[in-house]
């Protein structure tokens, strides 16, 4: 299994129109649902019941406000 490493990180405020300037993986500090758009795809997918402390190693370009109930979200990127 590959280890995901980051050189930078930033807090995320879910927003239906904000696109990250670089591919990012997502850390969910407080569990809940999280709606994401992946790089190269326009489809919004909602990950349901993501537990506290989960790292989603996807290439995310957007965390949607609509349908996101998770909190303390951080993105990791290079």
Protein backbone atom coordinates (compact mmCIF):
# COMPACT_ATOMS: atom_id res chain seq x y z
CA UNK A 1 0.00 0.00 0.00
CA UNK A 2 1.36 3.41 -0.95
CA UNK A 3 1.88 6.09 1.67
CA UNK A 4 0.38 9.48 0.86
CA UNK A 5 2.60 12.40 1.81
CA UNK A 6 1.99 16.12 1.48
CA UNK A 7 4.20 19.19 1.43
CA UNK A 8 1.35 21.58 2.25
CA UNK A 9 -2.04 21.66 3.92
CA UNK A 10 -4.95 24.07 4.33
CA UNK A 11 -8.30 24.23 6.10
CA UNK A 12 -11.30 23.70 3.84
CA UNK A 13 -14.55 25.61 3.95
CA UNK A 14 -16.97 23.63 1.79
CA UNK A 15 -18.20 25.73 -1.13
CA UNK A 16 -20.15 24.69 -4.22
CA UNK A 17 -18.10 26.87 -6.57
CA UNK A 18 -14.53 26.98 -5.19
CA UNK A 19 -12.10 24.83 -7.19
CA UNK A 20 -8.76 23.97 -5.57
CA UNK A 21 -5.77 25.26 -7.59
CA UNK A 22 -3.99 21.91 -7.15
CA UNK A 23 -5.04 18.28 -6.70
CA UNK A 24 -5.74 17.59 -3.05
CA UNK A 25 -6.49 14.71 -0.72
CA UNK A 26 -8.98 15.31 2.06
CA UNK A 27 -8.77 14.71 5.82
CA UNK A 28 -12.07 14.63 7.71
CA UNK A 29 -11.62 15.62 11.36
CA UNK A 30 -15.27 15.47 12.40
CA UNK A 31 -17.22 12.71 10.72
CA UNK A 32 -20.32 12.99 8.59
CA UNK A 33 -21.15 13.11 4.90
CA UNK A 34 -18.79 14.79 2.45
CA UNK A 35 -19.69 15.70 -1.14
CA UNK A 36 -16.72 15.83 -3.52
CA UNK A 37 -15.86 16.49 -7.14
CA UNK A 38 -12.74 14.70 -8.35
CA UNK A 39 -10.22 16.13 -10.80
CA UNK A 40 -11.30 15.49 -14.39
CA UNK A 41 -14.89 14.63 -13.43
CA UNK A 42 -17.90 16.89 -13.08
CA UNK A 43 -19.96 14.39 -11.06
CA UNK A 44 -20.63 15.17 -7.40
CA UNK A 45 -20.41 12.07 -5.21
CA UNK A 46 -21.37 12.07 -1.53
CA UNK A 47 -19.35 9.81 0.74
CA UNK A 48 -21.79 8.87 3.52
CA UNK A 49 -20.95 8.47 7.21
CA UNK A 50 -17.22 9.16 6.91
CA UNK A 51 -15.76 8.51 10.40
CA UNK A 52 -13.75 11.05 12.42
CA UNK A 53 -10.09 11.11 11.45
CA UNK A 54 -10.44 9.68 7.93
CA UNK A 55 -8.00 10.48 5.10
CA UNK A 56 -9.60 10.27 1.66
CA UNK A 57 -6.65 9.83 -0.74
CA UNK A 58 -8.55 11.00 -3.83
CA UNK A 59 -7.56 13.70 -6.31
CA UNK A 60 -10.20 16.20 -5.18
CA UNK A 61 -10.82 19.53 -6.89
CA UNK A 62 -13.89 20.65 -4.92
CA UNK A 63 -15.59 20.01 -1.56
CA UNK A 64 -19.23 20.92 -1.94
CA UNK A 65 -21.20 22.77 0.75
CA UNK A 66 -24.39 21.09 -0.45
CA UNK A 67 -24.72 17.66 1.22
CA UNK A 68 -21.53 18.02 3.31
CA UNK A 69 -22.14 17.58 7.03
CA UNK A 70 -18.57 16.59 8.00
CA UNK A 71 -16.39 19.20 9.66
CA UNK A 72 -12.80 20.11 10.48
CA UNK A 73 -11.84 19.33 6.89
CA UNK A 74 -8.23 19.79 5.79
CA UNK A 75 -6.76 19.29 2.34
CA UNK A 76 -3.26 18.01 1.76
CA UNK A 77 -1.42 18.85 -1.45
CA UNK A 78 2.00 19.26 -3.01
